[in-house]
Structure formats: structure tokens, C-alpha cells
Amino acid sequence: MGLIQYTRSRSPELAEYIDAVAQSPLAFDGSHPIEHSSHNHIHLWKLEYFADTCSWIDVDYRVECVSHVLEQWRRRLKRLPPYAQRGYRLYVYEDLAPTISAVAETDIGFPYTNSQPVFVQNIRDVLKLYEKRSWKEHFACVDWEISEKRLLDAVRKNNGSISKPTAEKLGIPVGKLRSLIINMGLSFQVNLVRKKFHRRPADFSNEIVYTDCWHVFERVLPAGYR
């Protein structure tokens, strides 16, 4: 039984989410890999949300899940220009939730130059860090009836605002609202709403929660890889 089939038998909602992540758009506009990462990084927050209550989501399952997504990305990346030109770098790194990212190869190399990374040998070394973590503890005040749709609807009803009125509508502090937008992977959608109401884009570029031992797995895919 494949990963998606197995997950669907346990949680159709999580299966739909994983499949959507695997098929998410990939873009490499701009000359700096951080620009690529801003297009192509995804916080796997829903995986950790379900892990709080689903004992079958263990380290082995997380590894299989992330490996599945990266394999789908690896295949799809062959259809884009950087495949023949210079290739790519794939990342799995530590944040509030495990985060994946794809960048095109450039002369800059490793893109996260403001960090002090601890490079690990395999995906498991990142994912095992979440075995004893609780996603909900990071957002203890949050009503977990807040779905992506509800959050975006609240932003729309407040004309693109991500300040106090929207936070109060959702029943959370302003600082938690911003963290929730970032870690639910809604930065792009929120800025689309803000654009509709002629607001400047919110700066979500400072998203990574760096620590003194920030763990990251890197996989280099050379040009023309098989």
C-alpha cells in the first residue's frame, strides 16, 4: 500500500494535504536561491497538527511522508529549465514544523547564509527532532477550529489587515496571528488578499526560526540527473 493510500485509510484530510504539497507549484524566478526558497518552501504544519493526536504518525511515518513529497518534486523538477542548466538543491530543515524547500543551483550555493546550520546525513535526523514536540503547544491560545479558510476569510473581511481587528475576530493575539499565517503556509495567499485591497505585501521573509543548532538536510540534484 502506498503512502497516500495508507494515509487515506487513516485520515482522508491528511492524505489530501500531503498530495497537495507533493503537487504544489514550483517556481525559480530571480537570481538568488532565497527567492526560489520563498516560492518553494512549505511548513508541514498539518503533519505535526495531526501527530499530536494520531499515535501512528511516528518518525518512520514522517520520513516516508517527506520522502514521498521530495520524490514527487524530484520528478516534476525535470520539466523545468534549471534541470538542464544547473540542477537543484532540496532541503529539509528544522522550524516550528518540518519544512521542505527547493532552490535552483547558483554560484551562491547554500542559500540560508544568515544561519548557523548543523548539516545532517539524512532526513530522519531532522524529523526525529519532532518526536517529543507538540505543535499545539506553540499556539496554546489558538482555537483549533481555525482552518485555513476561516483565517483567510477573516483577513478578507478586514480588508487585508493582519493586525488587531483580524486577530480579535479569530480570538488570538496579533503576534500569534502572524506566526499562524507563516506556519500554516498562508503567506502567499494572505498577500494576494492584501493586494486586492491595495495594501503593500506583508514581509514574511524572516520566517526561519534559527537556533544555535539549526538542523538541515541538503540533497544536491546535478543538471540532467536521472
Protein backbone atom coordinates (compact mmCIF):
# COMPACT_ATOMS: atom_id res chain seq x y z
CA MET A 1 0.00 0.00 0.00
CA GLY A 2 1.41 3.40 -0.98
CA LEU A 3 1.86 6.34 1.37
CA ILE A 4 -1.20 8.22 0.12
CA GLN A 5 -3.43 5.13 0.20
CA TYR A 6 -2.32 4.25 3.72
CA THR A 7 -2.84 7.81 4.93
CA ARG A 8 -6.26 8.00 3.29
CA SER A 9 -7.31 4.89 5.23
CA ARG A 10 -6.35 6.68 8.45
CA SER A 11 -7.12 10.32 7.67
CA PRO A 12 -8.53 11.45 4.31
CA GLU A 13 -7.85 15.08 5.27
CA LEU A 14 -4.15 14.48 5.90
CA ALA A 15 -3.86 12.41 2.70
CA GLU A 16 -5.36 15.28 0.70
CA TYR A 17 -2.90 17.71 2.31
CA ILE A 18 0.16 15.55 1.57
CA ASP A 19 -0.93 15.06 -2.02
CA ALA A 20 -1.45 18.82 -2.41
CA VAL A 21 2.05 19.50 -1.04
CA ALA A 22 3.54 16.98 -3.47
CA GLN A 23 1.78 18.71 -6.38
CA SER A 24 2.34 22.28 -5.20
CA PRO A 25 3.60 24.81 -7.81
CA LEU A 26 7.37 25.16 -8.10
CA ALA A 27 8.97 28.36 -9.42
CA PHE A 28 12.54 29.65 -9.72
CA ASP A 29 12.10 33.33 -10.52
CA GLY A 30 15.03 35.53 -9.51
CA SER A 31 18.78 35.05 -9.41
CA HIS A 32 19.16 34.37 -5.68
CA PRO A 33 18.24 30.98 -4.19
CA ILE A 34 16.46 32.67 -1.28
CA GLU A 35 13.99 33.99 -3.86
CA HIS A 36 13.49 30.41 -5.04
CA SER A 37 13.04 29.19 -1.48
CA SER A 38 10.41 31.86 -0.84
CA HIS A 39 8.37 30.35 -3.71
CA ASN A 40 9.03 26.72 -2.93
CA HIS A 41 9.19 26.22 0.84
CA ILE A 42 6.37 24.54 2.75
CA HIS A 43 5.99 24.17 6.51
CA LEU A 44 4.47 20.73 7.09
CA TRP A 45 2.32 22.08 9.89
CA LYS A 46 -0.68 19.83 9.30
CA LEU A 47 1.52 16.75 9.66
CA GLU A 48 2.52 17.96 13.14
CA TYR A 49 -1.03 19.06 13.96
CA PHE A 50 -2.30 15.53 13.35
CA ALA A 51 0.72 13.97 15.10
CA ASP A 52 -0.47 15.48 18.39
CA THR A 53 -3.45 13.10 18.42
CA CYS A 54 -2.52 10.29 15.99
CA SER A 55 -0.04 7.83 17.51
CA TRP A 56 0.56 6.20 14.10
CA ILE A 57 2.37 9.36 12.98
CA ASP A 58 5.80 8.41 14.28
CA VAL A 59 9.29 9.14 12.99
CA ASP A 60 9.09 6.35 10.41
CA TYR A 61 5.85 7.75 9.03
CA ARG A 62 7.26 11.29 8.91
CA VAL A 63 10.29 10.03 6.97
CA GLU A 64 8.08 8.17 4.49
CA CYS A 65 5.84 11.20 4.09
CA VAL A 66 8.65 13.68 3.42
CA SER A 67 10.45 11.20 1.15
CA HIS A 68 7.26 10.80 -0.88
CA VAL A 69 6.88 14.55 -1.37
CA LEU A 70 10.53 15.07 -2.29
CA GLU A 71 10.39 12.22 -4.80
CA GLN A 72 7.37 13.81 -6.48
CA TRP A 73 9.22 17.13 -6.57
CA ARG A 74 12.35 15.45 -7.98
CA ARG A 75 10.34 14.03 -10.88
CA ARG A 76 8.44 17.22 -11.57
CA LEU A 77 11.58 19.37 -11.47
CA LYS A 78 12.82 17.62 -14.61
CA ARG A 79 10.23 19.58 -16.59
CA LEU A 80 11.61 23.00 -15.58
CA PRO A 81 14.54 24.94 -17.14
CA PRO A 82 17.05 24.60 -14.23
CA TYR A 83 17.03 20.82 -14.75
CA ALA A 84 19.20 21.03 -17.86
CA GLN A 85 21.01 24.22 -16.89
CA ARG A 86 22.44 23.72 -13.39
CA GLY A 87 20.23 21.44 -11.34
CA TYR A 88 18.75 21.94 -7.88
CA ARG A 89 19.19 21.67 -4.15
CA LEU A 90 16.44 20.15 -1.99
CA TYR A 91 16.21 20.92 1.72
CA VAL A 92 14.51 19.51 4.79
CA TYR A 93 15.08 21.80 7.74
CA GLU A 94 14.06 22.44 11.29
CA ASP A 95 11.41 25.07 12.09
CA LEU A 96 8.26 25.02 14.21
CA ALA A 97 7.22 22.26 11.83
CA PRO A 98 9.48 20.27 9.48
CA THR A 99 10.00 22.41 6.40
CA ILE A 100 10.89 21.45 2.83
CA SER A 101 12.30 23.70 0.14
CA ALA A 102 13.70 23.55 -3.40
CA VAL A 103 16.14 26.01 -4.98
CA ALA A 104 17.90 26.07 -8.33
CA GLU A 105 21.67 25.69 -8.21
CA THR A 106 23.51 29.03 -8.34
CA ASP A 107 27.02 30.34 -7.67
CA ILE A 108 25.79 31.21 -4.16
CA GLY A 109 25.32 27.57 -3.19
CA PHE A 110 23.78 27.10 0.25
CA PRO A 111 21.14 29.85 0.41
CA TYR A 112 20.50 30.34 4.12
CA THR A 113 23.63 32.36 4.79
CA ASN A 114 22.30 34.09 7.93
CA SER A 115 22.07 30.80 9.76
CA GLN A 116 24.47 28.55 11.62
CA PRO A 117 23.38 25.21 10.21
CA VAL A 118 24.13 21.79 11.54
CA PHE A 119 24.13 19.63 8.40
CA VAL A 120 22.78 16.15 8.99
CA GLN A 121 23.29 13.00 6.96
CA ASN A 122 19.68 12.05 6.30
CA ILE A 123 16.07 13.22 6.53
CA ARG A 124 15.46 11.16 9.68
CA ASP A 125 17.99 13.25 11.60
CA VAL A 126 15.72 16.28 11.13
CA LEU A 127 12.39 14.53 11.57
CA LYS A 128 13.29 12.70 14.76
CA LEU A 129 13.53 16.11 16.45
CA TYR A 130 9.71 16.31 16.35
CA GLU A 131 9.05 13.04 18.15
CA LYS A 132 8.57 14.73 21.53
CA ARG A 133 7.33 18.13 20.31
CA SER A 134 3.73 19.31 20.33
CA TRP A 135 2.56 21.56 17.53
CA LYS A 136 -0.33 22.91 19.59
CA GLU A 137 1.94 23.92 22.47
CA HIS A 138 3.45 26.59 20.22
CA PHE A 139 -0.01 28.12 19.85
CA ALA A 140 -1.56 27.33 23.22
CA CYS A 141 -4.10 30.16 22.94
CA VAL A 142 -5.31 29.20 19.48
CA ASP A 143 -8.78 27.82 18.91
CA TRP A 144 -8.01 24.87 16.62
CA GLU A 145 -11.26 25.35 14.80
CA ILE A 146 -9.25 28.00 12.92
CA SER A 147 -8.87 26.47 9.47
CA GLU A 148 -7.03 27.95 6.52
CA LYS A 149 -10.38 29.06 5.10
CA ARG A 150 -11.51 30.72 8.31
CA LEU A 151 -8.24 32.59 8.69
CA LEU A 152 -8.27 33.86 5.09
CA ASP A 153 -11.96 34.81 5.40
CA ALA A 154 -11.14 36.90 8.47
CA VAL A 155 -8.34 38.69 6.58
CA ARG A 156 -10.72 39.40 3.69
CA LYS A 157 -13.47 40.71 5.96
CA ASN A 158 -10.94 43.13 7.47
CA ASN A 159 -9.80 44.37 4.04
CA GLY A 160 -6.48 42.55 4.12
CA SER A 161 -5.48 43.57 7.62
CA ILE A 162 -3.29 41.24 9.66
CA SER A 163 -3.39 43.46 12.72
CA LYS A 164 -5.59 43.67 15.81
CA PRO A 165 -9.10 43.58 14.22
CA THR A 166 -8.39 40.34 12.37
CA ALA A 167 -6.65 38.76 15.36
CA GLU A 168 -9.60 39.67 17.61
CA LYS A 169 -12.02 38.21 15.07
CA LEU A 170 -10.15 34.91 15.40
CA GLY A 171 -9.74 35.22 19.17
CA ILE A 172 -5.93 35.25 19.21
CA PRO A 173 -3.15 37.81 19.93
CA VAL A 174 -1.72 39.73 16.99
CA GLY A 175 1.70 38.06 17.33
CA LYS A 176 0.12 34.61 17.19
CA LEU A 177 -1.79 35.57 14.03
CA ARG A 178 1.41 36.32 12.14
CA SER A 179 3.06 33.10 13.34
CA LEU A 180 -0.01 31.14 12.37
CA ILE A 181 -0.06 32.64 8.86
CA ILE A 182 3.60 31.76 8.39
CA ASN A 183 3.46 28.25 9.77
CA MET A 184 0.18 27.32 8.07
CA GLY A 185 1.90 28.26 4.80
CA LEU A 186 -0.57 31.06 4.03
CA SER A 187 1.91 33.89 3.42
CA PHE A 188 1.32 33.95 -0.34
CA GLN A 189 -2.47 33.73 -0.08
CA VAL A 190 -2.60 36.49 2.55
CA ASN A 191 -0.57 38.79 0.34
CA LEU A 192 -2.93 38.09 -2.57
CA VAL A 193 -5.79 39.27 -0.36
CA ARG A 194 -3.81 42.34 0.69
CA LYS A 195 -3.11 43.17 -2.95
CA LYS A 196 -6.82 43.05 -3.72
CA PHE A 197 -7.37 45.76 -1.09
CA HIS A 198 -4.42 47.82 -2.37
CA ARG A 199 -2.24 47.08 0.66
CA ARG A 200 1.51 46.58 0.40
CA PRO A 201 2.71 42.98 0.73
CA ALA A 202 3.47 41.89 4.27
CA ASP A 203 7.11 40.89 4.75
CA PHE A 204 7.15 37.22 5.69
CA SER A 205 10.76 36.73 4.55
CA ASN A 206 12.19 36.39 8.06
CA GLU A 207 10.41 33.12 8.64
CA ILE A 208 13.01 30.59 9.71
CA VAL A 209 13.36 30.09 13.44
CA TYR A 210 17.14 29.88 13.62
CA THR A 211 18.79 28.49 16.71
CA ASP A 212 22.41 27.83 17.64
CA CYS A 213 21.94 24.29 16.33
CA TRP A 214 19.59 24.63 13.38
CA HIS A 215 19.38 21.22 11.68
CA VAL A 216 19.21 20.96 7.91
CA PHE A 217 19.40 18.14 5.38
CA GLU A 218 20.63 19.04 1.89
CA ARG A 219 20.34 16.98 -1.29
CA VAL A 220 22.08 18.20 -4.45
CA LEU A 221 20.50 17.24 -7.79
CA PRO A 222 23.03 17.94 -10.58
CA ALA A 223 22.00 19.15 -14.00
CA GLY A 224 20.44 16.36 -16.06
CA TYR A 225 20.12 13.96 -13.11
CA ARG A 226 18.33 10.67 -13.74
